C-alpha atoms as a PDB file:
ATOM      1  CA  MET A   1       6.090   2.760 -13.818  1.00  0.00           C
ATOM      2  CA  VAL A   2       3.877   1.266 -10.945  1.00  0.00           C
ATOM      3  CA  ILE A   3       2.248  -2.095 -11.982  1.00  0.00           C
ATOM      4  CA  THR A   4      -0.803  -2.494  -8.695  1.00  0.00           C
ATOM      5  CA  PRO A   5      -4.018  -5.106  -8.414  1.00  0.00           C
ATOM      6  CA  PHE A   6      -6.411  -1.833  -9.533  1.00  0.00           C
ATOM      7  CA  GLY A   7      -4.259  -0.504 -12.268  1.00  0.00           C
ATOM      8  CA  ASP A   8      -0.590   0.373 -13.586  1.00  0.00           C
ATOM      9  CA  LEU A   9       0.701   3.950 -12.192  1.00  0.00           C
ATOM     10  CA  GLU A  10       2.780   6.627 -13.727  1.00  0.00           C
ATOM     11  CA  TYR A  11       4.490   9.112 -10.778  1.00  0.00           C
ATOM     12  CA  GLY A  12       1.864  12.467 -11.945  1.00  0.00           C
ATOM     13  CA  ASP A  13      -0.623  10.295 -14.759  1.00  0.00           C
ATOM     14  CA  GLN A  14      -3.973  12.111 -12.804  1.00  0.00           C
ATOM     15  CA  SER A  15      -5.915  10.006 -15.556  1.00  0.00           C
ATOM     16  CA  GLY A  16      -4.152   6.599 -14.195  1.00  0.00           C
ATOM     17  CA  LEU A  17      -5.174   8.137 -10.774  1.00  0.00           C
ATOM     18  CA  ASP A  18      -8.595   8.592 -10.843  1.00  0.00           C
ATOM     19  CA  SER A  19      -9.427   4.931 -12.781  1.00  0.00           C
ATOM     20  CA  TRP A  20      -7.232   3.472 -10.204  1.00  0.00           C
ATOM     21  CA  LEU A  21      -9.142   4.741  -7.273  1.00  0.00           C
ATOM     22  CA  ALA A  22     -12.139   3.793  -8.436  1.00  0.00           C
ATOM     23  CA  ALA A  23     -10.671  -0.065  -8.614  1.00  0.00           C
ATOM     24  CA  HIS A  24      -9.137   0.491  -5.259  1.00  0.00           C
ATOM     25  CA  ASP A  25     -11.969   1.591  -4.186  1.00  0.00           C
ATOM     26  CA  GLN A  26     -13.462  -1.564  -5.190  1.00  0.00           C
ATOM     27  CA  ARG A  27     -11.486  -3.913  -3.528  1.00  0.00           C
ATOM     28  CA  HIS A  28     -11.872  -2.797  -0.347  1.00  0.00           C
ATOM     29  CA  LYS A  29     -15.649  -3.261   0.090  1.00  0.00           C
ATOM     30  CA  THR A  30     -14.931  -6.698  -1.625  1.00  0.00           C
ATOM     31  CA  GLU A  31     -12.818  -6.901   0.811  1.00  0.00           C
ATOM     32  CA  ARG A  32     -15.146  -6.130   3.284  1.00  0.00           C
ATOM     33  CA  GLN A  33     -17.740  -7.986   2.350  1.00  0.00           C
ATOM     34  CA  THR A  34     -15.884 -10.680   2.115  1.00  0.00           C
ATOM     35  CA  ILE A  35     -15.324 -10.514   5.944  1.00  0.00           C
ATOM     36  CA  ALA A  36     -18.694  -9.350   6.343  1.00  0.00           C
ATOM     37  CA  VAL A  37     -19.652 -12.955   4.510  1.00  0.00           C
ATOM     38  CA  ASN A  38     -17.334 -13.773   7.760  1.00  0.00           C
ATOM     39  CA  GLY A  39     -19.748 -12.846  10.898  1.00  0.00           C
ATOM     40  CA  VAL A  40     -17.127  -9.503  10.844  1.00  0.00           C
ATOM     41  CA  ALA A  41     -18.738  -6.268  10.336  1.00  0.00           C
ATOM     42  CA  LEU A  42     -16.036  -3.672  10.094  1.00  0.00           C
ATOM     43  CA  PRO A  43     -16.970  -0.220  10.608  1.00  0.00           C
ATOM     44  CA  SER A  44     -17.323   1.626   6.791  1.00  0.00           C
ATOM     45  CA  ARG A  45     -14.907   3.889   5.530  1.00  0.00           C
ATOM     46  CA  SER A  46     -15.301   5.177   2.028  1.00  0.00           C
ATOM     47  CA  MET A  47     -11.661   4.910   0.025  1.00  0.00           C
ATOM     48  CA  GLU A  48     -12.827   7.248  -2.956  1.00  0.00           C
ATOM     49  CA  GLY A  49     -10.597  10.283  -3.535  1.00  0.00           C
ATOM     50  CA  PRO A  50      -9.922  13.081  -3.579  1.00  0.00           C
ATOM     51  CA  LEU A  51      -6.461  11.657  -2.831  1.00  0.00           C
ATOM     52  CA  ASN A  52      -5.530  13.760  -0.451  1.00  0.00           C
ATOM     53  CA  GLN A  53      -3.795  13.991   3.372  1.00  0.00           C
ATOM     54  CA  GLU A  54      -7.348  12.924   4.266  1.00  0.00           C
ATOM     55  CA  TRP A  55      -7.704   9.985   2.365  1.00  0.00           C
ATOM     56  CA  LEU A  56      -4.323   8.793   2.565  1.00  0.00           C
ATOM     57  CA  GLY A  57      -4.772   8.720   7.240  1.00  0.00           C
ATOM     58  CA  ARG A  58      -8.489   7.354   6.521  1.00  0.00           C
ATOM     59  CA  HIS A  59      -6.530   4.914   4.233  1.00  0.00           C
ATOM     60  CA  MET A  60      -3.487   4.249   6.456  1.00  0.00           C
ATOM     61  CA  VAL A  61      -6.620   3.151   9.455  1.00  0.00           C
ATOM     62  CA  GLU A  62      -8.553   0.858   7.373  1.00  0.00           C
ATOM     63  CA  HIS A  63      -5.091  -0.652   6.732  1.00  0.00           C
ATOM     64  CA  GLN A  64      -4.647  -1.257  10.179  1.00  0.00           C
ATOM     65  CA  THR A  65      -7.738  -2.659  10.528  1.00  0.00           C
ATOM     66  CA  LEU A  66      -8.122  -4.891   8.219  1.00  0.00           C
ATOM     67  CA  LYS A  67      -4.176  -6.331   8.957  1.00  0.00           C
ATOM     68  CA  ASP A  68      -6.533  -9.069  11.437  1.00  0.00           C
ATOM     69  CA  PHE A  69      -7.479 -10.472   8.775  1.00  0.00           C
ATOM     70  CA  ALA A  70      -4.610 -10.324   6.288  1.00  0.00           C
ATOM     71  CA  LEU A  71      -1.479 -13.438   6.496  1.00  0.00           C
ATOM     72  CA  PRO A  72       0.434 -12.293   9.198  1.00  0.00           C
ATOM     73  CA  ASP A  73       4.432 -10.368   8.111  1.00  0.00           C
ATOM     74  CA  THR A  74       6.294  -8.103  10.516  1.00  0.00           C
ATOM     75  CA  SER A  75       8.028  -7.039   7.519  1.00  0.00           C
ATOM     76  CA  VAL A  76       5.551  -3.944   6.069  1.00  0.00           C
ATOM     77  CA  ASN A  77       3.728  -1.858   8.091  1.00  0.00           C
ATOM     78  CA  SER A  78      -0.065   0.082   6.786  1.00  0.00           C
ATOM     79  CA  LEU A  79       1.805   3.538   9.164  1.00  0.00           C
ATOM     80  CA  ILE A  80       4.175   3.654   6.402  1.00  0.00           C
ATOM     81  CA  LEU A  81       0.560   4.524   4.508  1.00  0.00           C
ATOM     82  CA  GLU A  82       0.113   8.104   5.443  1.00  0.00           C
ATOM     83  CA  MET A  83       2.979   9.090   3.813  1.00  0.00           C
ATOM     84  CA  SER A  84       2.320  11.523   1.576  1.00  0.00           C
ATOM     85  CA  TRP A  85       3.424  11.135  -2.409  1.00  0.00           C
ATOM     86  CA  ASN A  86       5.125  14.771  -2.749  1.00  0.00           C
ATOM     87  CA  SER A  87       8.127  12.966  -4.984  1.00  0.00           C
ATOM     88  CA  GLU A  88       8.217  10.453  -7.425  1.00  0.00           C
ATOM     89  CA  GLU A  89      10.092   7.609  -4.999  1.00  0.00           C
ATOM     90  CA  ASN A  90       7.661   8.232  -2.254  1.00  0.00           C
ATOM     91  CA  PHE A  91       5.239   7.203  -4.571  1.00  0.00           C
ATOM     92  CA  TYR A  92       6.595   4.663  -5.899  1.00  0.00           C
ATOM     93  CA  LYS A  93       7.877   2.905  -2.734  1.00  0.00           C
ATOM     94  CA  TRP A  94       4.144   3.451  -0.841  1.00  0.00           C
ATOM     95  CA  HIS A  95       2.667   1.884  -3.937  1.00  0.00           C
ATOM     96  CA  GLN A  96       5.289  -1.281  -3.983  1.00  0.00           C
ATOM     97  CA  ILE A  97       4.250  -1.699   0.139  1.00  0.00           C
ATOM     98  CA  HIS A  98       0.358  -1.195  -0.127  1.00  0.00           C
ATOM     99  CA  ASN A  99       1.115  -3.611  -2.955  1.00  0.00           C
ATOM    100  CA  GLU A 100       2.156  -6.467  -1.178  1.00  0.00           C
ATOM    101  CA  LEU A 101      -0.553  -5.528   2.207  1.00  0.00           C
ATOM    102  CA  HIS A 102      -3.117  -5.762  -0.412  1.00  0.00           C
ATOM    103  CA  SER A 103      -2.049  -8.986  -1.731  1.00  0.00           C
ATOM    104  CA  ARG A 104      -1.637 -10.372   1.478  1.00  0.00           C
ATOM    105  CA  LEU A 105      -4.912  -9.575   2.451  1.00  0.00           C
ATOM    106  CA  ASP A 106      -6.650 -10.930  -0.606  1.00  0.00           C
ATOM    107  CA  GLN A 107      -4.259 -14.716   0.142  1.00  0.00           C
ATOM    108  CA  ALA A 108      -6.359 -14.730   3.769  1.00  0.00           C
ATOM    109  CA  LEU A 109     -10.282 -13.588   2.716  1.00  0.00           C
ATOM    110  CA  GLY A 110      -9.536 -16.066  -0.656  1.00  0.00           C
ATOM    111  CA  LEU A 111      -9.919 -13.530  -3.311  1.00  0.00           C
ATOM    112  CA  THR A 112      -7.974 -13.028  -6.281  1.00  0.00           C
END
């Protein structure tokens, strides 16, 4: 199991993934709204499902855009987010990196 800011997940748990996708999409909207309030309009991207290669690519581009607003960290790169969840190991590795990216972004934006 992986614990994320958007809900706990286990590899292969479709119900948990559906809940995670909805909460994660809402968090991206909140982050974009916070950035917009500070005077920067970003291109709109939906983080709604379904979760597939197109979603993974779109999501990776989203994090590339948002990295400019996060606390600097050269040890975590958002390019890894394009990695498929085709194995349990990749699933957990992706979420570990993703959690760190959101943590740094949320800290910089003052979100909890």
